[in-house]
Amino acid sequence: MRSFSTVILPDSNVCLLGERRIRVITLALPTSSNLQEIFQGVDQVAIAHYLSAKAVERIISSSATLEAARDGVTKTVTDILDAYRTTIAGPGSGSGGLVASESLRDLPVLALGLIKSLALRQSAGIPSDMRAYAMALLTSLTPQLLVPYLCPKFYSLHDMQEEVSARASLSLLLYQRGGINANAKLCCSVVPQTMVVA
């Protein structure tokens, strides 16, 4: 366990009856020399939150491009997973697939959601005000709200109940590909002439 302390001495205007008061802030953090414990205790949501703030900071504070911010996110996640593979899992583990601990298994998905977000997406079709709003969201959302922003929930359509699909206001064009048959009812707002059967 390591402890860090700092002392804040308020302005002299705050003194009450000639008393000087100080505020002591102490932070105690657990430490470990075992890398396995460190990788098991990693908070992937906190890492994604940090990466989003650093990517926006890199774009705003310097003359870095969107590509540099995207590469920074990719490089950081790659370095974390490479460190896990070389130190914990061993260099010969896996058959070329992704090797990650249980606490890091969603980090690549969160990083991909960050890279594909409106703030970092490489596209000339995104208006600057929408990009600025997305950057403001990335820096102001709490970690718990950042996850659904980066990776929204997906619902399977093939087993959706009929009353739910009837209430949904989505216009869907589904087709059969790869042996997956997705059955859903199309909303009546779809013009039949615009539907193309592939």
C-alpha atoms as a PDB file:
ATOM      1  CA  MET A   1       0.000   0.000   0.000  1.00  0.00           C
ATOM      2  CA  ARG A   2       1.344   3.412  -0.982  1.00  0.00           C
ATOM      3  CA  SER A   3       0.003   6.668   0.419  1.00  0.00           C
ATOM      4  CA  PHE A   4       0.182  10.137  -1.065  1.00  0.00           C
ATOM      5  CA  SER A   5      -0.627  13.241   0.950  1.00  0.00           C
ATOM      6  CA  THR A   6      -1.036  16.841   0.005  1.00  0.00           C
ATOM      7  CA  VAL A   7      -1.724  19.897   2.118  1.00  0.00           C
ATOM      8  CA  ILE A   8      -3.837  22.868   1.098  1.00  0.00           C
ATOM      9  CA  LEU A   9      -3.328  26.128   2.954  1.00  0.00           C
ATOM     10  CA  PRO A  10      -6.349  28.387   2.390  1.00  0.00           C
ATOM     11  CA  ASP A  11      -6.023  32.107   1.745  1.00  0.00           C
ATOM     12  CA  SER A  12      -5.527  34.368   4.748  1.00  0.00           C
ATOM     13  CA  ASN A  13      -8.960  35.869   4.063  1.00  0.00           C
ATOM     14  CA  VAL A  14     -10.554  32.596   5.105  1.00  0.00           C
ATOM     15  CA  CYS A  15      -8.986  32.611   8.573  1.00  0.00           C
ATOM     16  CA  LEU A  16     -11.490  32.551  11.384  1.00  0.00           C
ATOM     17  CA  LEU A  17     -10.656  34.404  14.590  1.00  0.00           C
ATOM     18  CA  GLY A  18      -6.971  34.440  13.728  1.00  0.00           C
ATOM     19  CA  GLU A  19      -6.773  30.652  13.291  1.00  0.00           C
ATOM     20  CA  ARG A  20      -4.857  29.162  10.392  1.00  0.00           C
ATOM     21  CA  ARG A  21      -6.416  26.025   9.037  1.00  0.00           C
ATOM     22  CA  ILE A  22      -4.998  23.481   6.645  1.00  0.00           C
ATOM     23  CA  ARG A  23      -6.658  20.712   4.707  1.00  0.00           C
ATOM     24  CA  VAL A  24      -4.806  17.425   4.370  1.00  0.00           C
ATOM     25  CA  ILE A  25      -5.820  15.066   1.554  1.00  0.00           C
ATOM     26  CA  THR A  26      -4.446  11.519   1.654  1.00  0.00           C
ATOM     27  CA  LEU A  27      -4.827   8.897  -1.044  1.00  0.00           C
ATOM     28  CA  ALA A  28      -3.894   5.284  -0.302  1.00  0.00           C
ATOM     29  CA  LEU A  29      -3.441   2.981  -3.285  1.00  0.00           C
ATOM     30  CA  PRO A  30      -2.770  -0.742  -3.261  1.00  0.00           C
ATOM     31  CA  THR A  31       0.420  -1.902  -4.933  1.00  0.00           C
ATOM     32  CA  SER A  32       1.601  -5.266  -6.111  1.00  0.00           C
ATOM     33  CA  SER A  33       4.727  -6.771  -7.558  1.00  0.00           C
ATOM     34  CA  ASN A  34       2.687  -9.537  -9.219  1.00  0.00           C
ATOM     35  CA  LEU A  35       1.691  -8.541 -12.775  1.00  0.00           C
ATOM     36  CA  GLN A  36      -1.122 -11.106 -12.802  1.00  0.00           C
ATOM     37  CA  GLU A  37      -2.848  -9.227  -9.965  1.00  0.00           C
ATOM     38  CA  ILE A  38      -2.373  -5.921 -11.738  1.00  0.00           C
ATOM     39  CA  PHE A  39      -3.931  -7.184 -14.965  1.00  0.00           C
ATOM     40  CA  GLN A  40      -6.816  -8.751 -13.035  1.00  0.00           C
ATOM     41  CA  GLY A  41      -7.552  -5.450 -11.319  1.00  0.00           C
ATOM     42  CA  VAL A  42      -7.589  -3.331 -14.470  1.00  0.00           C
ATOM     43  CA  ASP A  43     -10.715  -1.241 -15.034  1.00  0.00           C
ATOM     44  CA  GLN A  44     -11.291  -1.276 -18.787  1.00  0.00           C
ATOM     45  CA  VAL A  45     -14.011   1.381 -18.591  1.00  0.00           C
ATOM     46  CA  ALA A  46     -11.595   3.748 -16.842  1.00  0.00           C
ATOM     47  CA  ILE A  47      -9.012   3.080 -19.555  1.00  0.00           C
ATOM     48  CA  ALA A  48     -11.573   3.825 -22.287  1.00  0.00           C
ATOM     49  CA  HIS A  49     -12.596   7.013 -20.481  1.00  0.00           C
ATOM     50  CA  TYR A  50      -8.952   8.085 -20.229  1.00  0.00           C
ATOM     51  CA  LEU A  51      -8.303   7.265 -23.894  1.00  0.00           C
ATOM     52  CA  SER A  52     -11.317   9.296 -25.014  1.00  0.00           C
ATOM     53  CA  ALA A  53     -10.236  12.324 -22.986  1.00  0.00           C
ATOM     54  CA  LYS A  54      -6.643  12.084 -24.249  1.00  0.00           C
ATOM     55  CA  ALA A  55      -7.757  11.715 -27.873  1.00  0.00           C
ATOM     56  CA  VAL A  56      -9.915  14.841 -27.680  1.00  0.00           C
ATOM     57  CA  GLU A  57      -7.149  16.689 -25.839  1.00  0.00           C
ATOM     58  CA  ARG A  58      -4.677  15.694 -28.543  1.00  0.00           C
ATOM     59  CA  ILE A  59      -6.964  17.084 -31.255  1.00  0.00           C
ATOM     60  CA  ILE A  60      -7.797  20.335 -29.461  1.00  0.00           C
ATOM     61  CA  SER A  61      -4.490  21.297 -27.831  1.00  0.00           C
ATOM     62  CA  SER A  62      -2.083  20.505 -30.629  1.00  0.00           C
ATOM     63  CA  SER A  63      -2.101  20.549 -34.366  1.00  0.00           C
ATOM     64  CA  ALA A  64      -2.604  16.783 -34.427  1.00  0.00           C
ATOM     65  CA  THR A  65      -5.020  15.386 -36.941  1.00  0.00           C
ATOM     66  CA  LEU A  66      -7.871  12.996 -36.391  1.00  0.00           C
ATOM     67  CA  GLU A  67      -5.666  10.253 -37.771  1.00  0.00           C
ATOM     68  CA  ALA A  68      -3.038  10.899 -35.079  1.00  0.00           C
ATOM     69  CA  ALA A  69      -5.673  10.725 -32.330  1.00  0.00           C
ATOM     70  CA  ARG A  70      -7.058   7.491 -33.775  1.00  0.00           C
ATOM     71  CA  ASP A  71      -3.568   6.018 -34.045  1.00  0.00           C
ATOM     72  CA  GLY A  72      -2.865   6.993 -30.428  1.00  0.00           C
ATOM     73  CA  VAL A  73      -5.926   5.062 -29.233  1.00  0.00           C
ATOM     74  CA  THR A  74      -5.026   2.041 -31.349  1.00  0.00           C
ATOM     75  CA  LYS A  75      -1.385   2.076 -30.248  1.00  0.00           C
ATOM     76  CA  THR A  76      -2.261   2.313 -26.555  1.00  0.00           C
ATOM     77  CA  VAL A  77      -4.708  -0.604 -26.683  1.00  0.00           C
ATOM     78  CA  THR A  78      -2.263  -2.648 -28.745  1.00  0.00           C
ATOM     79  CA  ASP A  79       0.534  -1.945 -26.251  1.00  0.00           C
ATOM     80  CA  ILE A  80      -1.664  -2.988 -23.297  1.00  0.00           C
ATOM     81  CA  LEU A  81      -2.719  -6.246 -24.936  1.00  0.00           C
ATOM     82  CA  ASP A  82       0.825  -6.941 -26.149  1.00  0.00           C
ATOM     83  CA  ALA A  83       2.151  -6.411 -22.615  1.00  0.00           C
ATOM     84  CA  TYR A  84      -0.390  -8.906 -21.308  1.00  0.00           C
ATOM     85  CA  ARG A  85       0.501 -11.444 -23.981  1.00  0.00           C
ATOM     86  CA  THR A  86       4.261 -11.217 -23.436  1.00  0.00           C
ATOM     87  CA  THR A  87       4.310 -11.043 -19.626  1.00  0.00           C
ATOM     88  CA  ILE A  88       1.342 -13.119 -18.487  1.00  0.00           C
ATOM     89  CA  ALA A  89       0.097 -15.367 -21.258  1.00  0.00           C
ATOM     90  CA  GLY A  90       3.527 -16.119 -22.702  1.00  0.00           C
ATOM     91  CA  PRO A  91       4.826 -15.383 -26.187  1.00  0.00           C
ATOM     92  CA  GLY A  92       3.610 -18.673 -27.687  1.00  0.00           C
ATOM     93  CA  SER A  93       0.072 -18.511 -26.332  1.00  0.00           C
ATOM     94  CA  GLY A  94      -2.876 -18.468 -28.654  1.00  0.00           C
ATOM     95  CA  SER A  95      -2.915 -19.139 -32.341  1.00  0.00           C
ATOM     96  CA  GLY A  96      -2.665 -15.570 -33.528  1.00  0.00           C
ATOM     97  CA  GLY A  97      -5.964 -14.603 -31.917  1.00  0.00           C
ATOM     98  CA  LEU A  98      -6.626 -11.983 -29.307  1.00  0.00           C
ATOM     99  CA  VAL A  99      -5.225 -12.870 -25.908  1.00  0.00           C
ATOM    100  CA  ALA A 100      -6.636 -10.744 -23.107  1.00  0.00           C
ATOM    101  CA  SER A 101      -7.433 -11.153 -19.449  1.00  0.00           C
ATOM    102  CA  GLU A 102     -11.002 -11.277 -18.196  1.00  0.00           C
ATOM    103  CA  SER A 103     -10.783  -7.647 -17.088  1.00  0.00           C
ATOM    104  CA  LEU A 104      -9.554  -6.508 -20.536  1.00  0.00           C
ATOM    105  CA  ARG A 105     -11.843  -8.499 -22.818  1.00  0.00           C
ATOM    106  CA  ASP A 106     -14.068  -5.541 -23.808  1.00  0.00           C
ATOM    107  CA  LEU A 107     -11.288  -2.965 -24.173  1.00  0.00           C
ATOM    108  CA  PRO A 108     -10.794  -3.546 -27.941  1.00  0.00           C
ATOM    109  CA  VAL A 109     -14.547  -3.132 -28.520  1.00  0.00           C
ATOM    110  CA  LEU A 110     -14.603   0.088 -26.491  1.00  0.00           C
ATOM    111  CA  ALA A 111     -11.578   1.393 -28.409  1.00  0.00           C
ATOM    112  CA  LEU A 112     -13.231   0.540 -31.721  1.00  0.00           C
ATOM    113  CA  GLY A 113     -16.379   2.355 -30.617  1.00  0.00           C
ATOM    114  CA  LEU A 114     -14.227   5.356 -29.723  1.00  0.00           C
ATOM    115  CA  ILE A 115     -12.488   5.331 -33.092  1.00  0.00           C
ATOM    116  CA  LYS A 116     -15.823   5.016 -34.915  1.00  0.00           C
ATOM    117  CA  SER A 117     -17.499   7.763 -32.858  1.00  0.00           C
ATOM    118  CA  LEU A 118     -18.465  11.048 -34.510  1.00  0.00           C
ATOM    119  CA  ALA A 119     -15.625  12.796 -32.693  1.00  0.00           C
ATOM    120  CA  LEU A 120     -12.836  10.685 -34.214  1.00  0.00           C
ATOM    121  CA  ARG A 121     -14.389   9.309 -37.387  1.00  0.00           C
ATOM    122  CA  GLN A 122     -12.407  10.233 -40.482  1.00  0.00           C
ATOM    123  CA  SER A 123     -15.107  11.659 -42.718  1.00  0.00           C
ATOM    124  CA  ALA A 124     -15.614  14.967 -44.483  1.00  0.00           C
ATOM    125  CA  GLY A 125     -19.387  14.457 -44.259  1.00  0.00           C
ATOM    126  CA  ILE A 126     -19.552  15.158 -40.508  1.00  0.00           C
ATOM    127  CA  PRO A 127     -20.432  18.798 -39.804  1.00  0.00           C
ATOM    128  CA  SER A 128     -18.015  20.601 -37.490  1.00  0.00           C
ATOM    129  CA  ASP A 129     -20.712  21.380 -34.920  1.00  0.00           C
ATOM    130  CA  MET A 130     -21.675  17.696 -34.671  1.00  0.00           C
ATOM    131  CA  ARG A 131     -18.003  16.748 -34.264  1.00  0.00           C
ATOM    132  CA  ALA A 132     -17.520  19.416 -31.579  1.00  0.00           C
ATOM    133  CA  TYR A 133     -20.610  18.163 -29.732  1.00  0.00           C
ATOM    134  CA  ALA A 134     -19.315  14.581 -29.892  1.00  0.00           C
ATOM    135  CA  MET A 135     -15.943  15.734 -28.542  1.00  0.00           C
ATOM    136  CA  ALA A 136     -17.684  17.570 -25.707  1.00  0.00           C
ATOM    137  CA  LEU A 137     -19.606  14.390 -24.894  1.00  0.00           C
ATOM    138  CA  LEU A 138     -16.434  12.310 -24.834  1.00  0.00           C
ATOM    139  CA  THR A 139     -14.836  14.646 -22.327  1.00  0.00           C
ATOM    140  CA  SER A 140     -17.883  15.267 -20.127  1.00  0.00           C
ATOM    141  CA  LEU A 141     -19.653  11.902 -19.899  1.00  0.00           C
ATOM    142  CA  THR A 142     -19.006   9.814 -16.820  1.00  0.00           C
ATOM    143  CA  PRO A 143     -17.378   6.426 -17.404  1.00  0.00           C
ATOM    144  CA  GLN A 144     -20.706   4.672 -16.783  1.00  0.00           C
ATOM    145  CA  LEU A 145     -22.421   6.800 -19.453  1.00  0.00           C
ATOM    146  CA  LEU A 146     -19.516   6.628 -21.889  1.00  0.00           C
ATOM    147  CA  VAL A 147     -19.865   2.871 -22.409  1.00  0.00           C
ATOM    148  CA  PRO A 148     -23.430   2.977 -23.826  1.00  0.00           C
ATOM    149  CA  TYR A 149     -22.423   5.988 -25.936  1.00  0.00           C
ATOM    150  CA  LEU A 150     -19.498   4.114 -27.505  1.00  0.00           C
ATOM    151  CA  CYS A 151     -21.132   0.675 -27.702  1.00  0.00           C
ATOM    152  CA  PRO A 152     -24.924   0.826 -27.696  1.00  0.00           C
ATOM    153  CA  LYS A 153     -26.934  -2.261 -26.876  1.00  0.00           C
ATOM    154  CA  PHE A 154     -27.819  -4.558 -29.738  1.00  0.00           C
ATOM    155  CA  TYR A 155     -31.075  -6.463 -29.844  1.00  0.00           C
ATOM    156  CA  SER A 156     -31.551  -9.556 -31.936  1.00  0.00           C
ATOM    157  CA  LEU A 157     -34.383  -9.190 -34.399  1.00  0.00           C
ATOM    158  CA  HIS A 158     -34.842 -12.834 -35.243  1.00  0.00           C
ATOM    159  CA  ASP A 159     -36.375 -13.703 -31.869  1.00  0.00           C
ATOM    160  CA  MET A 160     -38.144 -10.427 -31.099  1.00  0.00           C
ATOM    161  CA  GLN A 161     -41.715 -10.793 -29.916  1.00  0.00           C
ATOM    162  CA  GLU A 162     -44.362  -9.764 -32.417  1.00  0.00           C
ATOM    163  CA  GLU A 163     -45.930  -7.065 -30.233  1.00  0.00           C
ATOM    164  CA  VAL A 164     -42.510  -5.481 -29.690  1.00  0.00           C
ATOM    165  CA  SER A 165     -41.716  -5.442 -33.399  1.00  0.00           C
ATOM    166  CA  ALA A 166     -45.149  -3.972 -34.142  1.00  0.00           C
ATOM    167  CA  ARG A 167     -44.486  -1.085 -31.724  1.00  0.00           C
ATOM    168  CA  ALA A 168     -41.004  -0.409 -33.054  1.00  0.00           C
ATOM    169  CA  SER A 169     -40.843   2.517 -35.425  1.00  0.00           C
ATOM    170  CA  LEU A 170     -37.941   1.168 -37.415  1.00  0.00           C
ATOM    171  CA  SER A 171     -37.961   0.638 -41.130  1.00  0.00           C
ATOM    172  CA  LEU A 172     -35.854  -2.407 -41.835  1.00  0.00           C
ATOM    173  CA  LEU A 173     -34.728  -4.110 -44.959  1.00  0.00           C
ATOM    174  CA  LEU A 174     -33.577  -7.563 -44.020  1.00  0.00           C
ATOM    175  CA  TYR A 175     -32.253 -10.237 -46.269  1.00  0.00           C
ATOM    176  CA  GLN A 176     -30.980 -13.733 -45.822  1.00  0.00           C
ATOM    177  CA  ARG A 177     -27.231 -14.076 -45.879  1.00  0.00           C
ATOM    178  CA  GLY A 178     -24.913 -16.713 -44.492  1.00  0.00           C
ATOM    179  CA  GLY A 179     -27.712 -18.994 -43.329  1.00  0.00           C
ATOM    180  CA  ILE A 180     -29.144 -16.454 -40.902  1.00  0.00           C
ATOM    181  CA  ASN A 181     -32.823 -15.869 -41.490  1.00  0.00           C
ATOM    182  CA  ALA A 182     -33.954 -12.698 -39.745  1.00  0.00           C
ATOM    183  CA  ASN A 183     -37.726 -12.342 -39.699  1.00  0.00           C
ATOM    184  CA  ALA A 184     -39.103  -8.937 -38.891  1.00  0.00           C
ATOM    185  CA  LYS A 185     -42.100  -6.955 -40.021  1.00  0.00           C
ATOM    186  CA  LEU A 186     -41.463  -3.818 -41.999  1.00  0.00           C
ATOM    187  CA  CYS A 187     -43.030  -0.619 -40.837  1.00  0.00           C
ATOM    188  CA  CYS A 188     -45.872   0.614 -43.027  1.00  0.00           C
ATOM    189  CA  SER A 189     -43.899   3.814 -43.748  1.00  0.00           C
ATOM    190  CA  VAL A 190     -41.653   1.910 -46.133  1.00  0.00           C
ATOM    191  CA  VAL A 191     -42.538   2.479 -49.757  1.00  0.00           C
ATOM    192  CA  PRO A 192     -42.732  -0.987 -51.398  1.00  0.00           C
ATOM    193  CA  GLN A 193     -41.178   0.305 -54.641  1.00  0.00           C
ATOM    194  CA  THR A 194     -37.982   1.296 -52.819  1.00  0.00           C
ATOM    195  CA  MET A 195     -37.395  -2.175 -51.407  1.00  0.00           C
ATOM    196  CA  VAL A 196     -34.860  -4.198 -53.310  1.00  0.00           C
ATOM    197  CA  VAL A 197     -34.560  -7.937 -52.843  1.00  0.00           C
ATOM    198  CA  ALA A 198     -30.912  -8.929 -52.991  1.00  0.00           C
END
